PDB file of N, CA and C in Angstrom:
ATOM      1  N   MET A   1      -2.448  13.302  -0.138  1.00  0.00           N
ATOM      2  CA  MET A   1      -2.703  11.969   0.579  1.00  0.00           C
ATOM      3  C   MET A   1      -3.849  12.249   1.451  1.00  0.00           C
ATOM      4  N   ALA A   2      -4.721  11.213   1.723  1.00  0.00           N
ATOM      5  CA  ALA A   2      -5.826  11.363   2.521  1.00  0.00           C
ATOM      6  C   ALA A   2      -5.471  11.575   3.896  1.00  0.00           C
ATOM      7  N   GLU A   3      -6.367  12.120   4.659  1.00  0.00           N
ATOM      8  CA  GLU A   3      -6.021  12.365   6.207  1.00  0.00           C
ATOM      9  C   GLU A   3      -5.898  11.095   6.821  1.00  0.00           C
ATOM     10  N   SER A   4      -6.806  10.163   6.598  1.00  0.00           N
ATOM     11  CA  SER A   4      -6.705   8.880   7.290  1.00  0.00           C
ATOM     12  C   SER A   4      -7.049   7.785   6.269  1.00  0.00           C
ATOM     13  N   LEU A   5      -6.056   7.079   5.884  1.00  0.00           N
ATOM     14  CA  LEU A   5      -6.136   5.973   4.993  1.00  0.00           C
ATOM     15  C   LEU A   5      -6.600   4.741   5.622  1.00  0.00           C
ATOM     16  N   GLN A   6      -7.384   3.901   5.033  1.00  0.00           N
ATOM     17  CA  GLN A   6      -7.921   2.632   5.461  1.00  0.00           C
ATOM     18  C   GLN A   6      -7.517   1.547   4.335  1.00  0.00           C
ATOM     19  N   TRP A   7      -7.601   0.256   4.579  1.00  0.00           N
ATOM     20  CA  TRP A   7      -7.180  -0.822   3.742  1.00  0.00           C
ATOM     21  C   TRP A   7      -7.892  -0.693   2.320  1.00  0.00           C
ATOM     22  N   THR A   8      -9.138  -0.128   2.405  1.00  0.00           N
ATOM     23  CA  THR A   8      -9.950  -0.085   1.150  1.00  0.00           C
ATOM     24  C   THR A   8      -9.509   1.076   0.240  1.00  0.00           C
ATOM     25  N   ASP A   9      -8.547   1.998   0.845  1.00  0.00           N
ATOM     26  CA  ASP A   9      -8.275   3.205   0.118  1.00  0.00           C
ATOM     27  C   ASP A   9      -7.120   2.806  -0.848  1.00  0.00           C
ATOM     28  N   ILE A  10      -7.240   1.855  -1.741  1.00  0.00           N
ATOM     29  CA  ILE A  10      -6.352   1.157  -2.595  1.00  0.00           C
ATOM     30  C   ILE A  10      -5.424   2.267  -3.367  1.00  0.00           C
ATOM     31  N   ALA A  11      -6.162   3.065  -4.095  1.00  0.00           N
ATOM     32  CA  ALA A  11      -5.542   4.095  -4.916  1.00  0.00           C
ATOM     33  C   ALA A  11      -4.668   5.016  -4.016  1.00  0.00           C
ATOM     34  N   GLY A  12      -5.227   5.480  -2.928  1.00  0.00           N
ATOM     35  CA  GLY A  12      -4.445   6.393  -2.009  1.00  0.00           C
ATOM     36  C   GLY A  12      -3.175   5.789  -1.493  1.00  0.00           C
ATOM     37  N   ILE A  13      -3.301   4.396  -1.146  1.00  0.00           N
ATOM     38  CA  ILE A  13      -2.149   3.783  -0.648  1.00  0.00           C
ATOM     39  C   ILE A  13      -1.132   3.509  -1.670  1.00  0.00           C
ATOM     40  N   ALA A  14      -1.563   3.263  -2.886  1.00  0.00           N
ATOM     41  CA  ALA A  14      -0.604   3.205  -3.943  1.00  0.00           C
ATOM     42  C   ALA A  14       0.184   4.466  -4.296  1.00  0.00           C
ATOM     43  N   ILE A  15      -0.561   5.563  -4.238  1.00  0.00           N
ATOM     44  CA  ILE A  15       0.128   6.705  -4.411  1.00  0.00           C
ATOM     45  C   ILE A  15       1.102   7.085  -3.239  1.00  0.00           C
ATOM     46  N   ALA A  16       0.709   6.892  -2.066  1.00  0.00           N
ATOM     47  CA  ALA A  16       1.625   6.969  -0.938  1.00  0.00           C
ATOM     48  C   ALA A  16       2.851   6.087  -0.950  1.00  0.00           C
ATOM     49  N   LEU A  17       2.680   4.914  -1.418  1.00  0.00           N
ATOM     50  CA  LEU A  17       3.806   3.967  -1.567  1.00  0.00           C
ATOM     51  C   LEU A  17       4.669   4.440  -2.606  1.00  0.00           C
ATOM     52  N   THR A  18       4.276   4.994  -3.695  1.00  0.00           N
ATOM     53  CA  THR A  18       5.031   5.512  -4.847  1.00  0.00           C
ATOM     54  C   THR A  18       5.917   6.723  -4.403  1.00  0.00           C
ATOM     55  N   GLU A  19       5.311   7.554  -3.550  1.00  0.00           N
ATOM     56  CA  GLU A  19       5.969   8.641  -2.826  1.00  0.00           C
ATOM     57  C   GLU A  19       6.974   8.286  -1.845  1.00  0.00           C
ATOM     58  N   THR A  20       6.679   7.209  -1.041  1.00  0.00           N
ATOM     59  CA  THR A  20       7.549   6.937   0.115  1.00  0.00           C
ATOM     60  C   THR A  20       8.613   5.966  -0.345  1.00  0.00           C
ATOM     61  N   ARG A  21       8.397   5.086  -1.395  1.00  0.00           N
ATOM     62  CA  ARG A  21       9.347   4.155  -1.790  1.00  0.00           C
ATOM     63  C   ARG A  21       9.556   4.053  -3.210  1.00  0.00           C
ATOM     64  N   PRO A  22       9.928   5.185  -3.833  1.00  0.00           N
ATOM     65  CA  PRO A  22      10.171   5.341  -5.315  1.00  0.00           C
ATOM     66  C   PRO A  22      11.173   4.412  -5.916  1.00  0.00           C
ATOM     67  N   GLU A  23      12.026   3.809  -5.206  1.00  0.00           N
ATOM     68  CA  GLU A  23      13.055   2.986  -5.700  1.00  0.00           C
ATOM     69  C   GLU A  23      12.653   1.523  -5.755  1.00  0.00           C
ATOM     70  N   VAL A  24      11.548   1.049  -5.123  1.00  0.00           N
ATOM     71  CA  VAL A  24      11.082  -0.236  -5.090  1.00  0.00           C
ATOM     72  C   VAL A  24      10.174  -0.629  -6.272  1.00  0.00           C
ATOM     73  N   ASP A  25      10.483  -1.871  -6.740  1.00  0.00           N
ATOM     74  CA  ASP A  25       9.655  -2.407  -7.864  1.00  0.00           C
ATOM     75  C   ASP A  25       8.508  -3.246  -6.957  1.00  0.00           C
ATOM     76  N   PRO A  26       7.321  -2.720  -7.325  1.00  0.00           N
ATOM     77  CA  PRO A  26       6.207  -3.311  -6.512  1.00  0.00           C
ATOM     78  C   PRO A  26       6.269  -4.895  -6.612  1.00  0.00           C
ATOM     79  N   LEU A  27       6.456  -5.366  -7.787  1.00  0.00           N
ATOM     80  CA  LEU A  27       6.459  -6.821  -8.000  1.00  0.00           C
ATOM     81  C   LEU A  27       7.468  -7.648  -7.168  1.00  0.00           C
ATOM     82  N   SER A  28       8.571  -6.978  -6.670  1.00  0.00           N
ATOM     83  CA  SER A  28       9.592  -7.581  -5.884  1.00  0.00           C
ATOM     84  C   SER A  28       9.302  -7.699  -4.336  1.00  0.00           C
ATOM     85  N   VAL A  29       8.110  -7.144  -3.878  1.00  0.00           N
ATOM     86  CA  VAL A  29       7.849  -7.060  -2.627  1.00  0.00           C
ATOM     87  C   VAL A  29       7.057  -8.181  -2.094  1.00  0.00           C
ATOM     88  N   ARG A  30       7.412  -8.734  -0.964  1.00  0.00           N
ATOM     89  CA  ARG A  30       6.671  -9.808  -0.337  1.00  0.00           C
ATOM     90  C   ARG A  30       5.510  -9.197   0.351  1.00  0.00           C
ATOM     91  N   PHE A  31       4.417  -9.830   0.450  1.00  0.00           N
ATOM     92  CA  PHE A  31       3.126  -9.362   1.040  1.00  0.00           C
ATOM     93  C   PHE A  31       3.345  -9.131   2.555  1.00  0.00           C
ATOM     94  N   THR A  32       4.176  -9.778   3.177  1.00  0.00           N
ATOM     95  CA  THR A  32       4.486  -9.549   4.664  1.00  0.00           C
ATOM     96  C   THR A  32       5.094  -8.149   4.746  1.00  0.00           C
ATOM     97  N   ASP A  33       6.073  -7.767   3.856  1.00  0.00           N
ATOM     98  CA  ASP A  33       6.727  -6.411   3.824  1.00  0.00           C
ATOM     99  C   ASP A  33       5.739  -5.319   3.376  1.00  0.00           C
ATOM    100  N   LEU A  34       4.917  -5.667   2.340  1.00  0.00           N
ATOM    101  CA  LEU A  34       3.960  -4.754   1.920  1.00  0.00           C
ATOM    102  C   LEU A  34       2.907  -4.319   3.025  1.00  0.00           C
ATOM    103  N   ARG A  35       2.498  -5.304   3.781  1.00  0.00           N
ATOM    104  CA  ARG A  35       1.565  -5.121   4.798  1.00  0.00           C
ATOM    105  C   ARG A  35       2.197  -4.180   5.797  1.00  0.00           C
ATOM    106  N   GLN A  36       3.487  -4.398   6.063  1.00  0.00           N
ATOM    107  CA  GLN A  36       4.063  -3.564   7.090  1.00  0.00           C
ATOM    108  C   GLN A  36       4.209  -2.126   6.631  1.00  0.00           C
ATOM    109  N   TRP A  37       4.642  -2.032   5.379  1.00  0.00           N
ATOM    110  CA  TRP A  37       4.934  -0.729   4.885  1.00  0.00           C
ATOM    111  C   TRP A  37       3.641   0.074   4.836  1.00  0.00           C
ATOM    112  N   VAL A  38       2.557  -0.510   4.396  1.00  0.00           N
ATOM    113  CA  VAL A  38       1.314   0.198   4.370  1.00  0.00           C
ATOM    114  C   VAL A  38       0.966   0.639   5.756  1.00  0.00           C
ATOM    115  N   MET A  39       1.045  -0.160   6.767  1.00  0.00           N
ATOM    116  CA  MET A  39       0.788   0.274   8.127  1.00  0.00           C
ATOM    117  C   MET A  39       1.689   1.329   8.606  1.00  0.00           C
ATOM    118  N   GLU A  40       2.879   1.546   8.133  1.00  0.00           N
ATOM    119  CA  GLU A  40       3.796   2.540   8.462  1.00  0.00           C
ATOM    120  C   GLU A  40       3.561   3.905   7.667  1.00  0.00           C
ATOM    121  N   LEU A  41       2.628   3.952   6.760  1.00  0.00           N
ATOM    122  CA  LEU A  41       2.406   5.064   5.988  1.00  0.00           C
ATOM    123  C   LEU A  41       1.935   6.277   6.929  1.00  0.00           C
ATOM    124  N   PRO A  42       2.342   7.377   6.650  1.00  0.00           N
ATOM    125  CA  PRO A  42       1.804   8.625   7.517  1.00  0.00           C
ATOM    126  C   PRO A  42       0.253   8.637   7.093  1.00  0.00           C
ATOM    127  N   GLY A  43      -0.522   8.731   8.122  1.00  0.00           N
ATOM    128  CA  GLY A  43      -1.966   8.901   7.989  1.00  0.00           C
ATOM    129  C   GLY A  43      -2.756   7.582   7.789  1.00  0.00           C
ATOM    130  N   PHE A  44      -2.045   6.509   7.878  1.00  0.00           N
ATOM    131  CA  PHE A  44      -2.667   5.179   7.864  1.00  0.00           C
ATOM    132  C   PHE A  44      -3.341   4.838   9.028  1.00  0.00           C
ATOM    133  N   ALA A  45      -4.620   4.635   9.166  1.00  0.00           N
ATOM    134  CA  ALA A  45      -5.225   4.191  10.349  1.00  0.00           C
ATOM    135  C   ALA A  45      -6.067   2.793  10.269  1.00  0.00           C
ATOM    136  N   GLY A  46      -5.808   2.033   9.285  1.00  0.00           N
ATOM    137  CA  GLY A  46      -6.448   0.802   9.133  1.00  0.00           C
ATOM    138  C   GLY A  46      -6.004  -0.259  10.191  1.00  0.00           C
ATOM    139  N   ARG A  47      -6.925  -1.057  10.560  1.00  0.00           N
ATOM    140  CA  ARG A  47      -6.672  -2.065  11.563  1.00  0.00           C
ATOM    141  C   ARG A  47      -6.029  -3.267  10.976  1.00  0.00           C
ATOM    142  N   PRO A  48      -4.857  -3.815  11.504  1.00  0.00           N
ATOM    143  CA  PRO A  48      -4.183  -4.973  10.878  1.00  0.00           C
ATOM    144  C   PRO A  48      -4.994  -6.188  10.562  1.00  0.00           C
ATOM    145  N   GLU A  49      -6.058  -6.464  11.392  1.00  0.00           N
ATOM    146  CA  GLU A  49      -6.868  -7.633  11.103  1.00  0.00           C
ATOM    147  C   GLU A  49      -7.939  -7.379   9.989  1.00  0.00           C
ATOM    148  N   ARG A  50      -7.926  -6.233   9.492  1.00  0.00           N
ATOM    149  CA  ARG A  50      -8.715  -6.025   8.170  1.00  0.00           C
ATOM    150  C   ARG A  50      -8.062  -6.292   6.894  1.00  0.00           C
ATOM    151  N   CYS A  51      -6.726  -6.515   6.986  1.00  0.00           N
ATOM    152  CA  CYS A  51      -5.960  -6.906   5.838  1.00  0.00           C
ATOM    153  C   CYS A  51      -6.051  -8.318   5.508  1.00  0.00           C
ATOM    154  N   ASN A  52      -6.096  -8.453   4.106  1.00  0.00           N
ATOM    155  CA  ASN A  52      -6.067  -9.847   3.645  1.00  0.00           C
ATOM    156  C   ASN A  52      -5.398  -9.904   2.294  1.00  0.00           C
ATOM    157  N   GLU A  53      -5.075 -11.231   1.782  1.00  0.00           N
ATOM    158  CA  GLU A  53      -4.229 -11.280   0.557  1.00  0.00           C
ATOM    159  C   GLU A  53      -4.870 -10.529  -0.543  1.00  0.00           C
ATOM    160  N   LYS A  54      -6.225 -10.615  -0.754  1.00  0.00           N
ATOM    161  CA  LYS A  54      -6.828  -9.874  -1.813  1.00  0.00           C
ATOM    162  C   LYS A  54      -6.628  -8.450  -1.745  1.00  0.00           C
ATOM    163  N   ILE A  55      -6.607  -7.876  -0.707  1.00  0.00           N
ATOM    164  CA  ILE A  55      -6.387  -6.342  -0.531  1.00  0.00           C
ATOM    165  C   ILE A  55      -4.859  -6.125  -0.774  1.00  0.00           C
ATOM    166  N   LEU A  56      -3.984  -6.899  -0.382  1.00  0.00           N
ATOM    167  CA  LEU A  56      -2.515  -6.736  -0.712  1.00  0.00           C
ATOM    168  C   LEU A  56      -2.355  -6.835  -2.155  1.00  0.00           C
ATOM    169  N   GLU A  57      -2.925  -7.796  -2.862  1.00  0.00           N
ATOM    170  CA  GLU A  57      -2.764  -7.909  -4.348  1.00  0.00           C
ATOM    171  C   GLU A  57      -3.267  -6.743  -5.027  1.00  0.00           C
ATOM    172  N   ALA A  58      -4.424  -6.154  -4.576  1.00  0.00           N
ATOM    173  CA  ALA A  58      -4.914  -5.064  -5.166  1.00  0.00           C
ATOM    174  C   ALA A  58      -4.132  -3.837  -5.000  1.00  0.00           C
ATOM    175  N   ILE A  59      -3.485  -3.808  -3.853  1.00  0.00           N
ATOM    176  CA  ILE A  59      -2.548  -2.519  -3.551  1.00  0.00           C
ATOM    177  C   ILE A  59      -1.384  -2.723  -4.439  1.00  0.00           C
ATOM    178  N   GLN A  60      -0.820  -3.892  -4.447  1.00  0.00           N
ATOM    179  CA  GLN A  60       0.403  -4.151  -5.323  1.00  0.00           C
ATOM    180  C   GLN A  60       0.166  -3.783  -6.814  1.00  0.00           C
ATOM    181  N   MET A  61      -0.993  -4.296  -7.349  1.00  0.00           N
ATOM    182  CA  MET A  61      -1.295  -3.890  -8.748  1.00  0.00           C
ATOM    183  C   MET A  61      -1.516  -2.404  -8.904  1.00  0.00           C
ATOM    184  N   ALA A  62      -2.198  -1.748  -7.902  1.00  0.00           N
ATOM    185  CA  ALA A  62      -2.393  -0.365  -8.135  1.00  0.00           C
ATOM    186  C   ALA A  62      -1.080   0.448  -7.929  1.00  0.00           C
ATOM    187  N   TRP A  63      -0.221  -0.019  -7.093  1.00  0.00           N
ATOM    188  CA  TRP A  63       1.219   0.535  -6.934  1.00  0.00           C
ATOM    189  C   TRP A  63       1.886   0.414  -8.267  1.00  0.00           C
ATOM    190  N   LEU A  64       1.943  -0.739  -8.808  1.00  0.00           N
ATOM    191  CA  LEU A  64       2.683  -1.092 -10.119  1.00  0.00           C
ATOM    192  C   LEU A  64       2.129  -0.022 -11.129  1.00  0.00           C
ATOM    193  N   ASP A  65       0.708   0.059 -11.194  1.00  0.00           N
ATOM    194  CA  ASP A  65       0.208   1.049 -12.214  1.00  0.00           C
ATOM    195  C   ASP A  65       0.722   2.372 -11.967  1.00  0.00           C
ATOM    196  N   GLU A  66       0.949   2.972 -10.785  1.00  0.00           N
ATOM    197  CA  GLU A  66       1.361   4.140 -10.328  1.00  0.00           C
ATOM    198  C   GLU A  66       2.831   4.413 -10.911  1.00  0.00           C
ATOM    199  N   THR A  67       3.530   3.344 -10.857  1.00  0.00           N
ATOM    200  CA  THR A  67       5.038   3.497 -11.237  1.00  0.00           C
ATOM    201  C   THR A  67       5.202   3.403 -12.618  1.00  0.00           C
ATOM    202  N   ARG A  68       4.237   3.048 -13.446  1.00  0.00           N
ATOM    203  CA  ARG A  68       4.374   3.063 -14.968  1.00  0.00           C
ATOM    204  C   ARG A  68       3.989   4.406 -15.543  1.00  0.00           C
TER     205      ARG A  68
END
């Protein structure tokens, strides 16, 4: 995992979510929860105001790809 993840580090975030929440189906996660979980990841340094729906969708789809 990267030293300092930002919102644009979609692939790194997806890998980290796969490692920290292996039991979760990415498609079942609400964006409000996803946003919080990303901000709680070890090494995540992104600012909350930099997050938007487009970024969360990209993270969700990358996370889904990682779980398959």
